[in-house]
Amino acid sequence: MAELADRSFYVGIDVGGTFTDCVLVDSNGHSTVEKTFTTPEDPSVGVLNGLEKLSSKVALPFEDFLRRVQRIVHGTTITTNAVLTGSGAKTGFITTKGFRDILLMRRGIREDQFNSKCNPPPPLVPRNRTFTVAERTDYDGREIAPLDSEGAKEAIRELRKFGVESIAVSFLFSFLNPQHELQVAELLDEEFPDAYVSLSTQVLPQLRAYERHSTTVLNAYVGPILARYLGRLTDRLKTAGFAGRLLIMQSNGGVMAPETAARFACRTLLSGPAGGPVAAIFYGERA
């Protein structure tokens, strides 16, 4: 494939639990594939190994090859594996006073419907790291009770004592009025600036308290892990000479910038499999 040497390239990469798969497409539509082992201790190493193999296939020095790469689209199982293995960040949760157990109650659906002793899966945030704060917004987004700032500060300090790395904040009806969550975010910036913060009004601003709470907690649980990985990956790529666009696959089959992915990490869950239907539709339409 030496004839590709004067062309620009586009790369697709999917990091799985065992293999890192790479697809190279040149500016004329010619493609080639490569596979390398995933490096679990730091998957960015496996990504660079895969890119080096692709550069060998087009008979270009690695730095010259990376300068010609216009775009890398990256699917990853980083967040999926963190959830499956229970290796996410130590997370705390702050919610509305009187509603501490929404995460534990879930939707009340049991896997074994007629077994009253069937235990639900353990929550990502245990009850002792769930704190409540007095505040209330009604179903029209009107403030009924102001945020108890002192209570919020106390909750933040207690979570800091627990040694959490990440904090999720989700209040009732906050998707209609985000002010109380934004106030807590300001307090977190003052009291716990190193924490990874997830607000439900930014992660999933929509109806249904359990879905919003649980998604926000999930984002907080996997966010620090993905943010660290993307930081290492972008640094490695920049050092190696890559100046193109890096895009991260979303679970809806779309893509987003690394900065967005680091902030909304829950959007990458199952992002690898999501690429399959998108590709199938594309090639089906061409056929």
C-alpha atoms as a PDB file:
ATOM      1  CA  MET A   1       0.000   0.000   0.000  1.00  0.00           C
ATOM      2  CA  ALA A   2       2.933   2.292  -0.655  1.00  0.00           C
ATOM      3  CA  GLU A   3       0.759   4.224  -3.109  1.00  0.00           C
ATOM      4  CA  LEU A   4      -1.083   5.713  -0.099  1.00  0.00           C
ATOM      5  CA  ALA A   5       1.988   7.638   1.014  1.00  0.00           C
ATOM      6  CA  ASP A   6       0.903  10.960  -0.468  1.00  0.00           C
ATOM      7  CA  ARG A   7      -2.661  10.816   0.846  1.00  0.00           C
ATOM      8  CA  SER A   8      -4.424  11.744   4.076  1.00  0.00           C
ATOM      9  CA  PHE A   9      -5.871   9.123   6.374  1.00  0.00           C
ATOM     10  CA  TYR A  10      -8.838   8.490   8.641  1.00  0.00           C
ATOM     11  CA  VAL A  11      -8.676   5.942  11.444  1.00  0.00           C
ATOM     12  CA  GLY A  12     -11.301   4.053  13.426  1.00  0.00           C
ATOM     13  CA  ILE A  13     -10.204   2.399  16.677  1.00  0.00           C
ATOM     14  CA  ASP A  14     -12.129   0.219  19.097  1.00  0.00           C
ATOM     15  CA  VAL A  15     -10.491  -0.742  22.380  1.00  0.00           C
ATOM     16  CA  GLY A  16     -11.936  -3.975  23.735  1.00  0.00           C
ATOM     17  CA  GLY A  17     -11.068  -6.055  26.761  1.00  0.00           C
ATOM     18  CA  THR A  18      -8.604  -8.254  24.807  1.00  0.00           C
ATOM     19  CA  PHE A  19      -7.920  -6.661  21.439  1.00  0.00           C
ATOM     20  CA  THR A  20      -7.631  -3.149  20.046  1.00  0.00           C
ATOM     21  CA  ASP A  21      -8.984  -3.117  16.490  1.00  0.00           C
ATOM     22  CA  CYS A  22      -7.952  -0.469  13.976  1.00  0.00           C
ATOM     23  CA  VAL A  23      -9.328   0.453  10.560  1.00  0.00           C
ATOM     24  CA  LEU A  24      -7.478   2.788   8.202  1.00  0.00           C
ATOM     25  CA  VAL A  25      -9.196   4.558   5.304  1.00  0.00           C
ATOM     26  CA  ASP A  26      -7.305   6.808   2.914  1.00  0.00           C
ATOM     27  CA  SER A  27      -8.681   9.913   1.228  1.00  0.00           C
ATOM     28  CA  ASN A  28      -9.631   7.849  -1.828  1.00  0.00           C
ATOM     29  CA  GLY A  29     -11.639   5.323   0.173  1.00  0.00           C
ATOM     30  CA  HIS A  30      -9.135   2.458   0.221  1.00  0.00           C
ATOM     31  CA  SER A  31      -9.075   0.669   3.568  1.00  0.00           C
ATOM     32  CA  THR A  32      -7.017  -1.748   5.604  1.00  0.00           C
ATOM     33  CA  VAL A  33      -7.382  -3.286   9.069  1.00  0.00           C
ATOM     34  CA  GLU A  34      -5.006  -4.119  11.908  1.00  0.00           C
ATOM     35  CA  LYS A  35      -5.303  -5.690  15.346  1.00  0.00           C
ATOM     36  CA  THR A  36      -3.141  -5.503  18.461  1.00  0.00           C
ATOM     37  CA  PHE A  37      -3.448  -6.525  22.078  1.00  0.00           C
ATOM     38  CA  THR A  38      -5.204  -4.172  24.480  1.00  0.00           C
ATOM     39  CA  THR A  39      -2.987  -2.982  27.338  1.00  0.00           C
ATOM     40  CA  PRO A  40      -5.336  -2.963  30.373  1.00  0.00           C
ATOM     41  CA  GLU A  41      -2.923  -1.096  32.653  1.00  0.00           C
ATOM     42  CA  ASP A  42      -3.031   1.813  30.179  1.00  0.00           C
ATOM     43  CA  PRO A  43      -5.168   1.268  27.036  1.00  0.00           C
ATOM     44  CA  SER A  44      -3.631   4.331  25.363  1.00  0.00           C
ATOM     45  CA  VAL A  45      -0.439   2.274  24.903  1.00  0.00           C
ATOM     46  CA  GLY A  46      -2.392  -0.298  22.887  1.00  0.00           C
ATOM     47  CA  VAL A  47      -3.928   2.479  20.784  1.00  0.00           C
ATOM     48  CA  LEU A  48      -0.494   3.830  19.881  1.00  0.00           C
ATOM     49  CA  ASN A  49       0.717   0.281  19.143  1.00  0.00           C
ATOM     50  CA  GLY A  50      -2.187  -0.137  16.726  1.00  0.00           C
ATOM     51  CA  LEU A  51      -1.411   3.156  15.022  1.00  0.00           C
ATOM     52  CA  GLU A  52       2.230   2.107  14.631  1.00  0.00           C
ATOM     53  CA  LYS A  53       1.112  -1.097  12.921  1.00  0.00           C
ATOM     54  CA  LEU A  54      -1.055   0.928  10.540  1.00  0.00           C
ATOM     55  CA  SER A  55       1.893   3.189   9.705  1.00  0.00           C
ATOM     56  CA  SER A  56       3.928   0.098   8.826  1.00  0.00           C
ATOM     57  CA  LYS A  57       1.175  -1.068   6.482  1.00  0.00           C
ATOM     58  CA  VAL A  58       1.353   2.166   4.493  1.00  0.00           C
ATOM     59  CA  ALA A  59       5.165   2.169   4.630  1.00  0.00           C
ATOM     60  CA  LEU A  60       5.438   5.515   6.367  1.00  0.00           C
ATOM     61  CA  PRO A  61       7.497   6.604   9.393  1.00  0.00           C
ATOM     62  CA  PHE A  62       5.197   6.803  12.412  1.00  0.00           C
ATOM     63  CA  GLU A  63       5.461  10.589  12.890  1.00  0.00           C
ATOM     64  CA  ASP A  64       4.889  11.249   9.194  1.00  0.00           C
ATOM     65  CA  PHE A  65       1.899   8.915   9.233  1.00  0.00           C
ATOM     66  CA  LEU A  66       0.302  10.628  12.256  1.00  0.00           C
ATOM     67  CA  ARG A  67       0.715  14.051  10.640  1.00  0.00           C
ATOM     68  CA  ARG A  68      -1.346  12.778   7.710  1.00  0.00           C
ATOM     69  CA  VAL A  69      -4.151  11.376   9.909  1.00  0.00           C
ATOM     70  CA  GLN A  70      -7.029  13.836   9.690  1.00  0.00           C
ATOM     71  CA  ARG A  71      -9.413  12.154  12.091  1.00  0.00           C
ATOM     72  CA  ILE A  72      -9.484   9.319  14.636  1.00  0.00           C
ATOM     73  CA  VAL A  73     -12.859   7.965  15.740  1.00  0.00           C
ATOM     74  CA  HIS A  74     -12.448   6.001  18.944  1.00  0.00           C
ATOM     75  CA  GLY A  75     -14.834   3.506  20.527  1.00  0.00           C
ATOM     76  CA  THR A  76     -13.955   2.195  23.970  1.00  0.00           C
ATOM     77  CA  THR A  77     -15.094  -0.252  26.637  1.00  0.00           C
ATOM     78  CA  ILE A  78     -13.348   1.683  29.424  1.00  0.00           C
ATOM     79  CA  THR A  79     -16.587   2.741  31.119  1.00  0.00           C
ATOM     80  CA  THR A  80     -18.448  -0.499  30.354  1.00  0.00           C
ATOM     81  CA  ASN A  81     -15.698  -2.587  31.960  1.00  0.00           C
ATOM     82  CA  ALA A  82     -15.549  -0.275  34.975  1.00  0.00           C
ATOM     83  CA  VAL A  83     -19.249  -0.908  35.644  1.00  0.00           C
ATOM     84  CA  LEU A  84     -19.067  -4.661  34.985  1.00  0.00           C
ATOM     85  CA  THR A  85     -16.069  -5.131  37.270  1.00  0.00           C
ATOM     86  CA  GLY A  86     -17.184  -2.644  39.947  1.00  0.00           C
ATOM     87  CA  SER A  87     -13.943  -0.695  39.560  1.00  0.00           C
ATOM     88  CA  GLY A  88     -15.392   2.793  39.115  1.00  0.00           C
ATOM     89  CA  ALA A  89     -14.500   5.824  41.191  1.00  0.00           C
ATOM     90  CA  LYS A  90     -15.487   6.031  44.854  1.00  0.00           C
ATOM     91  CA  THR A  91     -18.594   8.160  44.542  1.00  0.00           C
ATOM     92  CA  GLY A  92     -20.897  10.177  46.793  1.00  0.00           C
ATOM     93  CA  PHE A  93     -24.445  11.335  46.128  1.00  0.00           C
ATOM     94  CA  ILE A  94     -26.345  14.444  47.254  1.00  0.00           C
ATOM     95  CA  THR A  95     -30.107  14.638  46.798  1.00  0.00           C
ATOM     96  CA  THR A  96     -33.293  16.177  48.205  1.00  0.00           C
ATOM     97  CA  LYS A  97     -34.060  15.715  51.905  1.00  0.00           C
ATOM     98  CA  GLY A  98     -36.608  12.950  52.448  1.00  0.00           C
ATOM     99  CA  PHE A  99     -35.662  11.052  49.279  1.00  0.00           C
ATOM    100  CA  ARG A 100     -32.461   9.348  50.323  1.00  0.00           C
ATOM    101  CA  ASP A 101     -33.449   5.876  49.147  1.00  0.00           C
ATOM    102  CA  ILE A 102     -34.554   6.447  45.559  1.00  0.00           C
ATOM    103  CA  LEU A 103     -31.416   4.719  44.256  1.00  0.00           C
ATOM    104  CA  LEU A 104     -32.072   1.698  46.483  1.00  0.00           C
ATOM    105  CA  MET A 105     -35.782   1.544  45.671  1.00  0.00           C
ATOM    106  CA  ARG A 106     -35.148   1.722  41.907  1.00  0.00           C
ATOM    107  CA  ARG A 107     -38.374   0.921  40.013  1.00  0.00           C
ATOM    108  CA  GLY A 108     -39.242  -1.932  42.326  1.00  0.00           C
ATOM    109  CA  ILE A 109     -38.665  -4.486  39.569  1.00  0.00           C
ATOM    110  CA  ARG A 110     -37.094  -7.823  40.552  1.00  0.00           C
ATOM    111  CA  GLU A 111     -35.145 -10.040  38.179  1.00  0.00           C
ATOM    112  CA  ASP A 112     -37.015 -13.005  39.656  1.00  0.00           C
ATOM    113  CA  GLN A 113     -40.496 -11.488  39.720  1.00  0.00           C
ATOM    114  CA  PHE A 114     -42.135 -13.916  42.166  1.00  0.00           C
ATOM    115  CA  ASN A 115     -39.193 -14.271  44.562  1.00  0.00           C
ATOM    116  CA  SER A 116     -39.783 -11.804  47.391  1.00  0.00           C
ATOM    117  CA  LYS A 117     -36.288 -12.500  48.745  1.00  0.00           C
ATOM    118  CA  CYS A 118     -34.539 -11.647  45.469  1.00  0.00           C
ATOM    119  CA  ASN A 119     -31.917  -9.035  46.268  1.00  0.00           C
ATOM    120  CA  PRO A 120     -31.335  -6.154  43.830  1.00  0.00           C
ATOM    121  CA  PRO A 121     -27.798  -5.556  42.560  1.00  0.00           C
ATOM    122  CA  PRO A 122     -25.717  -3.399  44.906  1.00  0.00           C
ATOM    123  CA  PRO A 123     -26.007   0.322  44.128  1.00  0.00           C
ATOM    124  CA  LEU A 124     -23.023   2.179  42.722  1.00  0.00           C
ATOM    125  CA  VAL A 125     -23.275   4.511  45.736  1.00  0.00           C
ATOM    126  CA  PRO A 126     -24.055   2.839  49.085  1.00  0.00           C
ATOM    127  CA  ARG A 127     -26.535   4.433  51.460  1.00  0.00           C
ATOM    128  CA  ASN A 128     -23.860   5.694  53.849  1.00  0.00           C
ATOM    129  CA  ARG A 129     -22.397   7.830  51.054  1.00  0.00           C
ATOM    130  CA  THR A 130     -25.803   9.258  50.112  1.00  0.00           C
ATOM    131  CA  PHE A 131     -26.555  12.607  51.782  1.00  0.00           C
ATOM    132  CA  THR A 132     -29.675  14.739  51.641  1.00  0.00           C
ATOM    133  CA  VAL A 133     -30.043  18.518  51.718  1.00  0.00           C
ATOM    134  CA  ALA A 134     -33.150  20.552  52.495  1.00  0.00           C
ATOM    135  CA  GLU A 135     -34.421  22.209  49.300  1.00  0.00           C
ATOM    136  CA  ARG A 136     -37.474  21.858  47.101  1.00  0.00           C
ATOM    137  CA  THR A 137     -38.632  22.814  43.639  1.00  0.00           C
ATOM    138  CA  ASP A 138     -42.151  21.994  42.507  1.00  0.00           C
ATOM    139  CA  TYR A 139     -43.400  20.452  39.266  1.00  0.00           C
ATOM    140  CA  ASP A 140     -43.549  23.877  37.610  1.00  0.00           C
ATOM    141  CA  GLY A 141     -39.935  24.671  38.492  1.00  0.00           C
ATOM    142  CA  ARG A 142     -40.901  27.131  41.237  1.00  0.00           C
ATOM    143  CA  GLU A 143     -38.776  27.230  44.363  1.00  0.00           C
ATOM    144  CA  ILE A 144     -40.784  26.027  47.367  1.00  0.00           C
ATOM    145  CA  ALA A 145     -37.875  25.857  49.801  1.00  0.00           C
ATOM    146  CA  PRO A 146     -34.439  27.468  49.276  1.00  0.00           C
ATOM    147  CA  LEU A 147     -31.290  25.397  49.336  1.00  0.00           C
ATOM    148  CA  ASP A 148     -29.874  24.859  52.825  1.00  0.00           C
ATOM    149  CA  SER A 149     -26.344  26.002  52.012  1.00  0.00           C
ATOM    150  CA  GLU A 150     -24.953  25.062  55.423  1.00  0.00           C
ATOM    151  CA  GLY A 151     -26.475  21.605  55.135  1.00  0.00           C
ATOM    152  CA  ALA A 152     -24.958  21.249  51.676  1.00  0.00           C
ATOM    153  CA  LYS A 153     -21.540  22.270  52.970  1.00  0.00           C
ATOM    154  CA  GLU A 154     -21.805  19.725  55.781  1.00  0.00           C
ATOM    155  CA  ALA A 155     -22.716  16.985  53.286  1.00  0.00           C
ATOM    156  CA  ILE A 156     -19.736  17.905  51.112  1.00  0.00           C
ATOM    157  CA  ARG A 157     -17.388  17.830  54.106  1.00  0.00           C
ATOM    158  CA  GLU A 158     -18.681  14.429  55.185  1.00  0.00           C
ATOM    159  CA  LEU A 159     -18.201  13.025  51.687  1.00  0.00           C
ATOM    160  CA  ARG A 160     -14.687  14.421  51.640  1.00  0.00           C
ATOM    161  CA  LYS A 161     -13.997  12.561  54.898  1.00  0.00           C
ATOM    162  CA  PHE A 162     -15.212   9.383  53.189  1.00  0.00           C
ATOM    163  CA  GLY A 163     -12.439   9.870  50.642  1.00  0.00           C
ATOM    164  CA  VAL A 164     -14.720  10.025  47.612  1.00  0.00           C
ATOM    165  CA  GLU A 165     -13.262  11.034  44.276  1.00  0.00           C
ATOM    166  CA  SER A 166     -16.516  11.925  42.585  1.00  0.00           C
ATOM    167  CA  ILE A 167     -19.860  13.457  43.621  1.00  0.00           C
ATOM    168  CA  ALA A 168     -23.243  13.267  41.888  1.00  0.00           C
ATOM    169  CA  VAL A 169     -25.920  15.886  42.607  1.00  0.00           C
ATOM    170  CA  SER A 170     -29.556  15.337  41.641  1.00  0.00           C
ATOM    171  CA  PHE A 171     -32.575  17.085  43.176  1.00  0.00           C
ATOM    172  CA  LEU A 172     -36.291  16.635  42.598  1.00  0.00           C
ATOM    173  CA  PHE A 173     -37.611  18.582  39.594  1.00  0.00           C
ATOM    174  CA  SER A 174     -34.220  20.237  39.144  1.00  0.00           C
ATOM    175  CA  PHE A 175     -34.462  19.690  35.399  1.00  0.00           C
ATOM    176  CA  LEU A 176     -37.094  22.454  35.417  1.00  0.00           C
ATOM    177  CA  ASN A 177     -34.981  24.798  37.522  1.00  0.00           C
ATOM    178  CA  PRO A 178     -31.245  24.048  37.905  1.00  0.00           C
ATOM    179  CA  GLN A 179     -30.449  26.790  40.425  1.00  0.00           C
ATOM    180  CA  HIS A 180     -30.112  24.596  43.517  1.00  0.00           C
ATOM    181  CA  GLU A 181     -27.801  22.151  41.773  1.00  0.00           C
ATOM    182  CA  LEU A 182     -25.718  25.027  40.426  1.00  0.00           C
ATOM    183  CA  GLN A 183     -25.466  26.435  43.953  1.00  0.00           C
ATOM    184  CA  VAL A 184     -24.185  23.085  45.209  1.00  0.00           C
ATOM    185  CA  ALA A 185     -21.664  23.036  42.355  1.00  0.00           C
ATOM    186  CA  GLU A 186     -20.370  26.416  43.527  1.00  0.00           C
ATOM    187  CA  LEU A 187     -20.061  25.097  47.081  1.00  0.00           C
ATOM    188  CA  LEU A 188     -18.211  22.037  45.781  1.00  0.00           C
ATOM    189  CA  ASP A 189     -15.788  24.311  43.970  1.00  0.00           C
ATOM    190  CA  GLU A 190     -15.097  26.054  47.279  1.00  0.00           C
ATOM    191  CA  GLU A 191     -15.126  23.074  49.654  1.00  0.00           C
ATOM    192  CA  PHE A 192     -13.913  20.205  47.447  1.00  0.00           C
ATOM    193  CA  PRO A 193     -12.319  21.580  44.249  1.00  0.00           C
ATOM    194  CA  ASP A 194     -10.626  18.276  43.369  1.00  0.00           C
ATOM    195  CA  ALA A 195     -13.883  16.331  43.142  1.00  0.00           C
ATOM    196  CA  TYR A 196     -15.297  15.192  39.811  1.00  0.00           C
ATOM    197  CA  VAL A 197     -18.799  16.719  39.832  1.00  0.00           C
ATOM    198  CA  SER A 198     -21.868  15.461  37.949  1.00  0.00           C
ATOM    199  CA  LEU A 199     -25.081  17.514  37.974  1.00  0.00           C
ATOM    200  CA  SER A 200     -28.283  15.874  36.797  1.00  0.00           C
ATOM    201  CA  THR A 201     -29.354  19.105  35.093  1.00  0.00           C
ATOM    202  CA  GLN A 202     -26.335  18.747  32.807  1.00  0.00           C
ATOM    203  CA  VAL A 203     -26.114  14.961  32.490  1.00  0.00           C
ATOM    204  CA  LEU A 204     -29.805  14.104  31.951  1.00  0.00           C
ATOM    205  CA  PRO A 205     -32.175  17.096  32.385  1.00  0.00           C
ATOM    206  CA  GLN A 206     -35.446  15.240  31.936  1.00  0.00           C
ATOM    207  CA  LEU A 207     -38.452  13.793  33.763  1.00  0.00           C
ATOM    208  CA  ARG A 208     -38.275  10.658  35.989  1.00  0.00           C
ATOM    209  CA  ALA A 209     -36.333  10.982  39.239  1.00  0.00           C
ATOM    210  CA  TYR A 210     -34.868   7.474  39.405  1.00  0.00           C
ATOM    211  CA  GLU A 211     -33.591   7.496  35.829  1.00  0.00           C
ATOM    212  CA  ARG A 212     -32.103  10.956  36.273  1.00  0.00           C
ATOM    213  CA  HIS A 213     -30.560  10.150  39.675  1.00  0.00           C
ATOM    214  CA  SER A 214     -29.099   6.819  38.571  1.00  0.00           C
ATOM    215  CA  THR A 215     -27.698   8.166  35.296  1.00  0.00           C
ATOM    216  CA  THR A 216     -26.038  11.058  37.126  1.00  0.00           C
ATOM    217  CA  VAL A 217     -24.516   8.647  39.640  1.00  0.00           C
ATOM    218  CA  LEU A 218     -23.345   6.413  36.794  1.00  0.00           C
ATOM    219  CA  ASN A 219     -21.668   9.399  35.139  1.00  0.00           C
ATOM    220  CA  ALA A 220     -19.895  10.261  38.385  1.00  0.00           C
ATOM    221  CA  TYR A 221     -18.876   6.619  38.874  1.00  0.00           C
ATOM    222  CA  VAL A 222     -17.101   6.233  35.519  1.00  0.00           C
ATOM    223  CA  GLY A 223     -16.188   9.859  34.792  1.00  0.00           C
ATOM    224  CA  PRO A 224     -12.808  10.092  36.553  1.00  0.00           C
ATOM    225  CA  ILE A 225     -11.620   6.840  34.951  1.00  0.00           C
ATOM    226  CA  LEU A 226     -12.491   7.925  31.426  1.00  0.00           C
ATOM    227  CA  ALA A 227     -11.171  11.452  31.997  1.00  0.00           C
ATOM    228  CA  ARG A 228      -7.782  10.088  33.101  1.00  0.00           C
ATOM    229  CA  TYR A 229      -7.621   7.717  30.145  1.00  0.00           C
ATOM    230  CA  LEU A 230      -8.511  10.398  27.594  1.00  0.00           C
ATOM    231  CA  GLY A 231      -5.970  12.740  29.170  1.00  0.00           C
ATOM    232  CA  ARG A 232      -3.225  10.149  28.723  1.00  0.00           C
ATOM    233  CA  LEU A 233      -4.355   9.316  25.193  1.00  0.00           C
ATOM    234  CA  THR A 234      -4.504  12.914  23.962  1.00  0.00           C
ATOM    235  CA  ASP A 235      -1.095  13.632  25.514  1.00  0.00           C
ATOM    236  CA  ARG A 236       0.453  10.576  23.852  1.00  0.00           C
ATOM    237  CA  LEU A 237      -1.060  11.430  20.480  1.00  0.00           C
ATOM    238  CA  LYS A 238       0.079  15.051  20.674  1.00  0.00           C
ATOM    239  CA  THR A 239       3.599  14.036  21.690  1.00  0.00           C
ATOM    240  CA  ALA A 240       3.724  11.556  18.806  1.00  0.00           C
ATOM    241  CA  GLY A 241       2.780  14.281  16.317  1.00  0.00           C
ATOM    242  CA  PHE A 242      -0.956  13.841  15.798  1.00  0.00           C
ATOM    243  CA  ALA A 243      -2.617  17.180  15.002  1.00  0.00           C
ATOM    244  CA  GLY A 244      -5.930  15.960  13.590  1.00  0.00           C
ATOM    245  CA  ARG A 245      -9.334  15.556  15.228  1.00  0.00           C
ATOM    246  CA  LEU A 246      -9.975  12.889  17.880  1.00  0.00           C
ATOM    247  CA  LEU A 247     -13.636  11.925  18.314  1.00  0.00           C
ATOM    248  CA  ILE A 248     -15.104   9.526  20.868  1.00  0.00           C
ATOM    249  CA  MET A 249     -17.939   7.156  19.985  1.00  0.00           C
ATOM    250  CA  GLN A 250     -21.188   7.603  21.946  1.00  0.00           C
ATOM    251  CA  SER A 251     -23.644   4.909  22.952  1.00  0.00           C
ATOM    252  CA  ASN A 252     -26.174   6.381  20.489  1.00  0.00           C
ATOM    253  CA  GLY A 253     -23.801   5.771  17.586  1.00  0.00           C
ATOM    254  CA  GLY A 254     -22.719   9.409  17.286  1.00  0.00           C
ATOM    255  CA  VAL A 255     -19.404  10.977  18.269  1.00  0.00           C
ATOM    256  CA  MET A 256     -18.199  13.718  20.598  1.00  0.00           C
ATOM    257  CA  ALA A 257     -15.028  15.583  21.472  1.00  0.00           C
ATOM    258  CA  PRO A 258     -12.746  14.138  24.192  1.00  0.00           C
ATOM    259  CA  GLU A 259     -13.524  17.107  26.441  1.00  0.00           C
ATOM    260  CA  THR A 260     -17.241  16.338  26.206  1.00  0.00           C
ATOM    261  CA  ALA A 261     -16.645  12.617  26.760  1.00  0.00           C
ATOM    262  CA  ALA A 262     -14.620  13.314  29.906  1.00  0.00           C
ATOM    263  CA  ARG A 263     -17.479  15.408  31.288  1.00  0.00           C
ATOM    264  CA  PHE A 264     -20.320  13.102  30.211  1.00  0.00           C
ATOM    265  CA  ALA A 265     -18.634   9.720  30.477  1.00  0.00           C
ATOM    266  CA  CYS A 266     -21.919   7.802  30.793  1.00  0.00           C
ATOM    267  CA  ARG A 267     -22.536   8.523  27.104  1.00  0.00           C
ATOM    268  CA  THR A 268     -19.756   6.069  26.200  1.00  0.00           C
ATOM    269  CA  LEU A 269     -21.327   3.023  27.854  1.00  0.00           C
ATOM    270  CA  LEU A 270     -21.683   0.303  25.190  1.00  0.00           C
ATOM    271  CA  SER A 271     -20.266   2.753  22.654  1.00  0.00           C
ATOM    272  CA  GLY A 272     -18.300  -0.036  20.960  1.00  0.00           C
ATOM    273  CA  PRO A 273     -21.333  -2.172  20.028  1.00  0.00           C
ATOM    274  CA  ALA A 274     -23.248   0.992  19.074  1.00  0.00           C
ATOM    275  CA  GLY A 275     -20.899   1.505  16.149  1.00  0.00           C
ATOM    276  CA  GLY A 276     -22.065  -1.751  14.538  1.00  0.00           C
ATOM    277  CA  PRO A 277     -25.627  -0.704  13.632  1.00  0.00           C
ATOM    278  CA  VAL A 278     -24.387   2.670  12.369  1.00  0.00           C
ATOM    279  CA  ALA A 279     -21.919   0.916  10.054  1.00  0.00           C
ATOM    280  CA  ALA A 280     -24.572  -1.585   8.959  1.00  0.00           C
ATOM    281  CA  ILE A 281     -26.980   1.215   8.004  1.00  0.00           C
ATOM    282  CA  PHE A 282     -24.233   3.047   6.106  1.00  0.00           C
ATOM    283  CA  TYR A 283     -23.164   0.022   4.071  1.00  0.00           C
ATOM    284  CA  GLY A 284     -26.756  -1.131   3.618  1.00  0.00           C
ATOM    285  CA  GLU A 285     -27.672   2.209   2.052  1.00  0.00           C
ATOM    286  CA  ARG A 286     -24.647   2.063  -0.241  1.00  0.00           C
ATOM    287  CA  ALA A 287     -25.635  -1.436  -1.358  1.00  0.00           C
END
